[in-house]
Amino acid sequence: MNWRAALAEGIAVFFFVLIGTGAIVITGALSGGAMDNSRLIAIALTNGLGFGVAIAAVSHISGGHINPAATFAA
């Protein structure tokens, strides 16, 4: 059971990091690299929504830690 939970957490972390870094890259390309308030808000919203989706996707399997080491230790 712990390996299944840790694998689910690993996939969720991969998704979360992919969404977060993708938001930074895409907003940078669209704004020409300028760090203004609208870009920061878009990045923050994307990270928050990505984290929420990752928790919703794996919480029933592993408890929703979004940290495979913590899930395996628990």
PDB file of N, CA and C in Angstrom:
ATOM      1  N   MET A   1       0.820  -1.200   0.000  1.00  0.00           N
ATOM      2  CA  MET A   1       0.000   0.000   0.000  1.00  0.00           C
ATOM      3  C   MET A   1       0.860   1.259   0.000  1.00  0.00           C
ATOM      4  N   ASN A   2       1.975   1.258   0.720  1.00  0.00           N
ATOM      5  CA  ASN A   2       2.813   2.453   0.785  1.00  0.00           C
ATOM      6  C   ASN A   2       3.443   2.775  -0.562  1.00  0.00           C
ATOM      7  N   TRP A   3       3.817   1.744  -1.329  1.00  0.00           N
ATOM      8  CA  TRP A   3       4.412   2.016  -2.635  1.00  0.00           C
ATOM      9  C   TRP A   3       3.394   2.629  -3.590  1.00  0.00           C
ATOM     10  N   ARG A   4       2.153   2.173  -3.507  1.00  0.00           N
ATOM     11  CA  ARG A   4       1.104   2.742  -4.351  1.00  0.00           C
ATOM     12  C   ARG A   4       0.868   4.216  -3.992  1.00  0.00           C
ATOM     13  N   ALA A   5       0.845   4.515  -2.703  1.00  0.00           N
ATOM     14  CA  ALA A   5       0.647   5.892  -2.251  1.00  0.00           C
ATOM     15  C   ALA A   5       1.833   6.771  -2.649  1.00  0.00           C
ATOM     16  N   ALA A   6       3.054   6.244  -2.485  1.00  0.00           N
ATOM     17  CA  ALA A   6       4.241   7.022  -2.850  1.00  0.00           C
ATOM     18  C   ALA A   6       4.292   7.283  -4.355  1.00  0.00           C
ATOM     19  N   LEU A   7       3.895   6.304  -5.150  1.00  0.00           N
ATOM     20  CA  LEU A   7       3.860   6.500  -6.604  1.00  0.00           C
ATOM     21  C   LEU A   7       2.818   7.555  -6.987  1.00  0.00           C
ATOM     22  N   ALA A   8       1.657   7.503  -6.358  1.00  0.00           N
ATOM     23  CA  ALA A   8       0.630   8.510  -6.627  1.00  0.00           C
ATOM     24  C   ALA A   8       1.125   9.897  -6.242  1.00  0.00           C
ATOM     25  N   GLU A   9       1.817  10.000  -5.118  1.00  0.00           N
ATOM     26  CA  GLU A   9       2.379  11.281  -4.694  1.00  0.00           C
ATOM     27  C   GLU A   9       3.444  11.762  -5.673  1.00  0.00           C
ATOM     28  N   GLY A  10       4.273  10.856  -6.167  1.00  0.00           N
ATOM     29  CA  GLY A  10       5.297  11.226  -7.137  1.00  0.00           C
ATOM     30  C   GLY A  10       4.692  11.783  -8.416  1.00  0.00           C
ATOM     31  N   ILE A  11       3.628  11.157  -8.868  1.00  0.00           N
ATOM     32  CA  ILE A  11       2.942  11.644 -10.070  1.00  0.00           C
ATOM     33  C   ILE A  11       2.319  13.010  -9.803  1.00  0.00           C
ATOM     34  N   ALA A  12       1.738  13.194  -8.625  1.00  0.00           N
ATOM     35  CA  ALA A  12       1.128  14.481  -8.279  1.00  0.00           C
ATOM     36  C   ALA A  12       2.179  15.582  -8.195  1.00  0.00           C
ATOM     37  N   VAL A  13       3.338  15.282  -7.621  1.00  0.00           N
ATOM     38  CA  VAL A  13       4.416  16.273  -7.539  1.00  0.00           C
ATOM     39  C   VAL A  13       4.913  16.621  -8.932  1.00  0.00           C
ATOM     40  N   PHE A  14       5.057  15.619  -9.793  1.00  0.00           N
ATOM     41  CA  PHE A  14       5.474  15.879 -11.168  1.00  0.00           C
ATOM     42  C   PHE A  14       4.483  16.802 -11.865  1.00  0.00           C
ATOM     43  N   PHE A  15       3.192  16.531 -11.717  1.00  0.00           N
ATOM     44  CA  PHE A  15       2.155  17.371 -12.316  1.00  0.00           C
ATOM     45  C   PHE A  15       2.226  18.798 -11.774  1.00  0.00           C
ATOM     46  N   PHE A  16       2.372  18.924 -10.453  1.00  0.00           N
ATOM     47  CA  PHE A  16       2.409  20.240  -9.824  1.00  0.00           C
ATOM     48  C   PHE A  16       3.615  21.050 -10.293  1.00  0.00           C
ATOM     49  N   VAL A  17       4.779  20.439 -10.351  1.00  0.00           N
ATOM     50  CA  VAL A  17       5.983  21.142 -10.799  1.00  0.00           C
ATOM     51  C   VAL A  17       5.873  21.492 -12.282  1.00  0.00           C
ATOM     52  N   LEU A  18       5.334  20.593 -13.079  1.00  0.00           N
ATOM     53  CA  LEU A  18       5.160  20.861 -14.510  1.00  0.00           C
ATOM     54  C   LEU A  18       4.226  22.045 -14.735  1.00  0.00           C
ATOM     55  N   ILE A  19       3.116  22.085 -14.019  1.00  0.00           N
ATOM     56  CA  ILE A  19       2.159  23.188 -14.159  1.00  0.00           C
ATOM     57  C   ILE A  19       2.775  24.493 -13.668  1.00  0.00           C
ATOM     58  N   GLY A  20       3.465  24.457 -12.533  1.00  0.00           N
ATOM     59  CA  GLY A  20       4.055  25.674 -11.970  1.00  0.00           C
ATOM     60  C   GLY A  20       5.142  26.269 -12.842  1.00  0.00           C
ATOM     61  N   THR A  21       6.062  25.443 -13.305  1.00  0.00           N
ATOM     62  CA  THR A  21       7.126  25.963 -14.159  1.00  0.00           C
ATOM     63  C   THR A  21       6.587  26.340 -15.535  1.00  0.00           C
ATOM     64  N   GLY A  22       5.601  25.610 -15.999  1.00  0.00           N
ATOM     65  CA  GLY A  22       4.983  25.964 -17.278  1.00  0.00           C
ATOM     66  C   GLY A  22       4.310  27.323 -17.222  1.00  0.00           C
ATOM     67  N   ALA A  23       3.696  27.638 -16.102  1.00  0.00           N
ATOM     68  CA  ALA A  23       3.063  28.954 -15.945  1.00  0.00           C
ATOM     69  C   ALA A  23       4.101  30.061 -15.995  1.00  0.00           C
ATOM     70  N   ILE A  24       5.245  29.845 -15.378  1.00  0.00           N
ATOM     71  CA  ILE A  24       6.307  30.852 -15.392  1.00  0.00           C
ATOM     72  C   ILE A  24       6.830  31.057 -16.804  1.00  0.00           C
ATOM     73  N   VAL A  25       7.065  29.964 -17.518  1.00  0.00           N
ATOM     74  CA  VAL A  25       7.606  30.055 -18.874  1.00  0.00           C
ATOM     75  C   VAL A  25       6.601  30.701 -19.825  1.00  0.00           C
ATOM     76  N   ILE A  26       5.356  30.267 -19.768  1.00  0.00           N
ATOM     77  CA  ILE A  26       4.339  30.790 -20.689  1.00  0.00           C
ATOM     78  C   ILE A  26       4.061  32.270 -20.428  1.00  0.00           C
ATOM     79  N   THR A  27       3.913  32.649 -19.152  1.00  0.00           N
ATOM     80  CA  THR A  27       3.650  34.062 -18.880  1.00  0.00           C
ATOM     81  C   THR A  27       4.853  34.925 -19.229  1.00  0.00           C
ATOM     82  N   GLY A  28       6.051  34.384 -19.092  1.00  0.00           N
ATOM     83  CA  GLY A  28       7.241  35.133 -19.495  1.00  0.00           C
ATOM     84  C   GLY A  28       7.304  35.343 -20.987  1.00  0.00           C
ATOM     85  N   ALA A  29       6.903  34.320 -21.746  1.00  0.00           N
ATOM     86  CA  ALA A  29       6.903  34.448 -23.203  1.00  0.00           C
ATOM     87  C   ALA A  29       5.832  35.427 -23.677  1.00  0.00           C
ATOM     88  N   LEU A  30       4.684  35.424 -23.011  1.00  0.00           N
ATOM     89  CA  LEU A  30       3.605  36.309 -23.422  1.00  0.00           C
ATOM     90  C   LEU A  30       3.858  37.771 -23.042  1.00  0.00           C
ATOM     91  N   SER A  31       4.541  37.983 -21.918  1.00  0.00           N
ATOM     92  CA  SER A  31       4.750  39.362 -21.465  1.00  0.00           C
ATOM     93  C   SER A  31       6.110  39.915 -21.858  1.00  0.00           C
ATOM     94  N   GLY A  32       6.906  39.149 -22.540  1.00  0.00           N
ATOM     95  CA  GLY A  32       8.237  39.607 -22.930  1.00  0.00           C
ATOM     96  C   GLY A  32       9.234  39.591 -21.784  1.00  0.00           C
ATOM     97  N   GLY A  33       8.936  38.885 -20.727  1.00  0.00           N
ATOM     98  CA  GLY A  33       9.848  38.759 -19.597  1.00  0.00           C
ATOM     99  C   GLY A  33       9.660  39.794 -18.514  1.00  0.00           C
ATOM    100  N   ALA A  34       8.770  40.751 -18.713  1.00  0.00           N
ATOM    101  CA  ALA A  34       8.540  41.779 -17.695  1.00  0.00           C
ATOM    102  C   ALA A  34       7.757  41.185 -16.531  1.00  0.00           C
ATOM    103  N   MET A  35       8.246  41.420 -15.309  1.00  0.00           N
ATOM    104  CA  MET A  35       7.573  40.896 -14.125  1.00  0.00           C
ATOM    105  C   MET A  35       6.649  41.970 -13.567  1.00  0.00           C
ATOM    106  N   ASP A  36       5.388  41.935 -13.999  1.00  0.00           N
ATOM    107  CA  ASP A  36       4.414  42.896 -13.507  1.00  0.00           C
ATOM    108  C   ASP A  36       3.369  42.174 -12.671  1.00  0.00           C
ATOM    109  N   ASN A  37       2.428  42.931 -12.135  1.00  0.00           N
ATOM    110  CA  ASN A  37       1.444  42.351 -11.228  1.00  0.00           C
ATOM    111  C   ASN A  37       0.546  41.313 -11.903  1.00  0.00           C
ATOM    112  N   SER A  38       0.169  41.540 -13.133  1.00  0.00           N
ATOM    113  CA  SER A  38      -0.714  40.576 -13.803  1.00  0.00           C
ATOM    114  C   SER A  38      -0.007  39.237 -14.016  1.00  0.00           C
ATOM    115  N   ARG A  39       1.287  39.284 -14.296  1.00  0.00           N
ATOM    116  CA  ARG A  39       2.034  38.036 -14.460  1.00  0.00           C
ATOM    117  C   ARG A  39       2.142  37.302 -13.125  1.00  0.00           C
ATOM    118  N   LEU A  40       2.406  38.023 -12.058  1.00  0.00           N
ATOM    119  CA  LEU A  40       2.498  37.393 -10.740  1.00  0.00           C
ATOM    120  C   LEU A  40       1.170  36.772 -10.321  1.00  0.00           C
ATOM    121  N   ILE A  41       0.080  37.445 -10.611  1.00  0.00           N
ATOM    122  CA  ILE A  41      -1.235  36.902 -10.264  1.00  0.00           C
ATOM    123  C   ILE A  41      -1.534  35.646 -11.082  1.00  0.00           C
ATOM    124  N   ALA A  42      -1.193  35.660 -12.357  1.00  0.00           N
ATOM    125  CA  ALA A  42      -1.414  34.478 -13.198  1.00  0.00           C
ATOM    126  C   ALA A  42      -0.593  33.287 -12.708  1.00  0.00           C
ATOM    127  N   ILE A  43       0.654  33.538 -12.328  1.00  0.00           N
ATOM    128  CA  ILE A  43       1.503  32.456 -11.813  1.00  0.00           C
ATOM    129  C   ILE A  43       0.956  31.927 -10.496  1.00  0.00           C
ATOM    130  N   ALA A  44       0.547  32.824  -9.607  1.00  0.00           N
ATOM    131  CA  ALA A  44       0.011  32.400  -8.313  1.00  0.00           C
ATOM    132  C   ALA A  44      -1.273  31.596  -8.468  1.00  0.00           C
ATOM    133  N   LEU A  45      -2.178  32.055  -9.330  1.00  0.00           N
ATOM    134  CA  LEU A  45      -3.424  31.320  -9.548  1.00  0.00           C
ATOM    135  C   LEU A  45      -3.175  29.949 -10.161  1.00  0.00           C
ATOM    136  N   THR A  46      -2.248  29.884 -11.096  1.00  0.00           N
ATOM    137  CA  THR A  46      -1.938  28.600 -11.721  1.00  0.00           C
ATOM    138  C   THR A  46      -1.342  27.627 -10.718  1.00  0.00           C
ATOM    139  N   ASN A  47      -0.431  28.116  -9.868  1.00  0.00           N
ATOM    140  CA  ASN A  47       0.146  27.246  -8.848  1.00  0.00           C
ATOM    141  C   ASN A  47      -0.904  26.784  -7.851  1.00  0.00           C
ATOM    142  N   GLY A  48      -1.780  27.671  -7.440  1.00  0.00           N
ATOM    143  CA  GLY A  48      -2.820  27.296  -6.498  1.00  0.00           C
ATOM    144  C   GLY A  48      -3.791  26.285  -7.077  1.00  0.00           C
ATOM    145  N   LEU A  49      -4.217  26.512  -8.306  1.00  0.00           N
ATOM    146  CA  LEU A  49      -5.132  25.564  -8.944  1.00  0.00           C
ATOM    147  C   LEU A  49      -4.452  24.224  -9.213  1.00  0.00           C
ATOM    148  N   GLY A  50      -3.185  24.263  -9.623  1.00  0.00           N
ATOM    149  CA  GLY A  50      -2.447  23.021  -9.845  1.00  0.00           C
ATOM    150  C   GLY A  50      -2.288  22.215  -8.567  1.00  0.00           C
ATOM    151  N   PHE A  51      -2.010  22.898  -7.462  1.00  0.00           N
ATOM    152  CA  PHE A  51      -1.875  22.225  -6.177  1.00  0.00           C
ATOM    153  C   PHE A  51      -3.206  21.629  -5.741  1.00  0.00           C
ATOM    154  N   GLY A  52      -4.284  22.378  -5.941  1.00  0.00           N
ATOM    155  CA  GLY A  52      -5.607  21.862  -5.588  1.00  0.00           C
ATOM    156  C   GLY A  52      -5.995  20.642  -6.402  1.00  0.00           C
ATOM    157  N   VAL A  53      -5.701  20.674  -7.687  1.00  0.00           N
ATOM    158  CA  VAL A  53      -6.004  19.522  -8.550  1.00  0.00           C
ATOM    159  C   VAL A  53      -5.147  18.318  -8.154  1.00  0.00           C
ATOM    160  N   ALA A  54      -3.887  18.549  -7.840  1.00  0.00           N
ATOM    161  CA  ALA A  54      -3.008  17.444  -7.425  1.00  0.00           C
ATOM    162  C   ALA A  54      -3.508  16.817  -6.130  1.00  0.00           C
ATOM    163  N   ILE A  55      -3.937  17.628  -5.176  1.00  0.00           N
ATOM    164  CA  ILE A  55      -4.460  17.085  -3.918  1.00  0.00           C
ATOM    165  C   ILE A  55      -5.755  16.320  -4.168  1.00  0.00           C
ATOM    166  N   ALA A  56      -6.645  16.886  -4.970  1.00  0.00           N
ATOM    167  CA  ALA A  56      -7.907  16.205  -5.252  1.00  0.00           C
ATOM    168  C   ALA A  56      -7.687  14.886  -5.976  1.00  0.00           C
ATOM    169  N   ALA A  57      -6.657  14.819  -6.799  1.00  0.00           N
ATOM    170  CA  ALA A  57      -6.418  13.605  -7.584  1.00  0.00           C
ATOM    171  C   ALA A  57      -5.859  12.463  -6.737  1.00  0.00           C
ATOM    172  N   VAL A  58      -5.051  12.756  -5.723  1.00  0.00           N
ATOM    173  CA  VAL A  58      -4.376  11.678  -4.996  1.00  0.00           C
ATOM    174  C   VAL A  58      -4.736  11.585  -3.523  1.00  0.00           C
ATOM    175  N   SER A  59      -5.579  12.460  -3.021  1.00  0.00           N
ATOM    176  CA  SER A  59      -5.859  12.432  -1.581  1.00  0.00           C
ATOM    177  C   SER A  59      -6.555  11.149  -1.146  1.00  0.00           C
ATOM    178  N   HIS A  60      -7.365  10.569  -1.991  1.00  0.00           N
ATOM    179  CA  HIS A  60      -8.048   9.329  -1.622  1.00  0.00           C
ATOM    180  C   HIS A  60      -7.110   8.119  -1.662  1.00  0.00           C
ATOM    181  N   ILE A  61      -5.972   8.246  -2.318  1.00  0.00           N
ATOM    182  CA  ILE A  61      -5.012   7.155  -2.399  1.00  0.00           C
ATOM    183  C   ILE A  61      -3.971   7.262  -1.290  1.00  0.00           C
ATOM    184  N   SER A  62      -3.471   8.484  -1.060  1.00  0.00           N
ATOM    185  CA  SER A  62      -2.310   8.624  -0.192  1.00  0.00           C
ATOM    186  C   SER A  62      -2.468   9.602   0.965  1.00  0.00           C
ATOM    187  N   GLY A  63      -3.540  10.313   1.041  1.00  0.00           N
ATOM    188  CA  GLY A  63      -3.703  11.291   2.103  1.00  0.00           C
ATOM    189  C   GLY A  63      -3.434  12.709   1.659  1.00  0.00           C
ATOM    190  N   GLY A  64      -2.901  12.905   0.475  1.00  0.00           N
ATOM    191  CA  GLY A  64      -2.725  14.237  -0.091  1.00  0.00           C
ATOM    192  C   GLY A  64      -1.598  15.050   0.492  1.00  0.00           C
ATOM    193  N   HIS A  65      -0.489  14.426   0.847  1.00  0.00           N
ATOM    194  CA  HIS A  65       0.655  15.181   1.360  1.00  0.00           C
ATOM    195  C   HIS A  65       1.371  15.957   0.260  1.00  0.00           C
ATOM    196  N   ILE A  66       1.326  15.473  -0.953  1.00  0.00           N
ATOM    197  CA  ILE A  66       2.081  15.980  -2.110  1.00  0.00           C
ATOM    198  C   ILE A  66       3.565  15.999  -1.782  1.00  0.00           C
ATOM    199  N   ASN A  67       4.013  14.957  -1.131  1.00  0.00           N
ATOM    200  CA  ASN A  67       5.414  14.736  -0.809  1.00  0.00           C
ATOM    201  C   ASN A  67       5.593  13.223  -0.657  1.00  0.00           C
ATOM    202  N   PRO A  68       6.194  12.562  -1.647  1.00  0.00           N
ATOM    203  CA  PRO A  68       6.294  11.100  -1.577  1.00  0.00           C
ATOM    204  C   PRO A  68       7.048  10.581  -0.351  1.00  0.00           C
ATOM    205  N   ALA A  69       8.044  11.327   0.123  1.00  0.00           N
ATOM    206  CA  ALA A  69       8.789  10.887   1.303  1.00  0.00           C
ATOM    207  C   ALA A  69       7.914  10.918   2.542  1.00  0.00           C
ATOM    208  N   ALA A  70       7.114  11.949   2.698  1.00  0.00           N
ATOM    209  CA  ALA A  70       6.204  12.022   3.857  1.00  0.00           C
ATOM    210  C   ALA A  70       5.140  10.940   3.796  1.00  0.00           C
ATOM    211  N   THR A  71       4.638  10.672   2.606  1.00  0.00           N
ATOM    212  CA  THR A  71       3.624   9.626   2.459  1.00  0.00           C
ATOM    213  C   THR A  71       4.209   8.263   2.777  1.00  0.00           C
ATOM    214  N   PHE A  72       5.416   7.990   2.286  1.00  0.00           N
ATOM    215  CA  PHE A  72       6.037   6.694   2.560  1.00  0.00           C
ATOM    216  C   PHE A  72       6.345   6.536   4.040  1.00  0.00           C
ATOM    217  N   ALA A  73       6.772   7.610   4.690  1.00  0.00           N
ATOM    218  CA  ALA A  73       7.076   7.550   6.124  1.00  0.00           C
ATOM    219  C   ALA A  73       5.810   7.369   6.955  1.00  0.00           C
ATOM    220  N   ALA A  74       4.717   7.953   6.498  1.00  0.00           N
ATOM    221  CA  ALA A  74       3.455   7.836   7.260  1.00  0.00           C
ATOM    222  C   ALA A  74       2.904   6.422   7.140  1.00  0.00           C
TER     223      ALA A  74
END
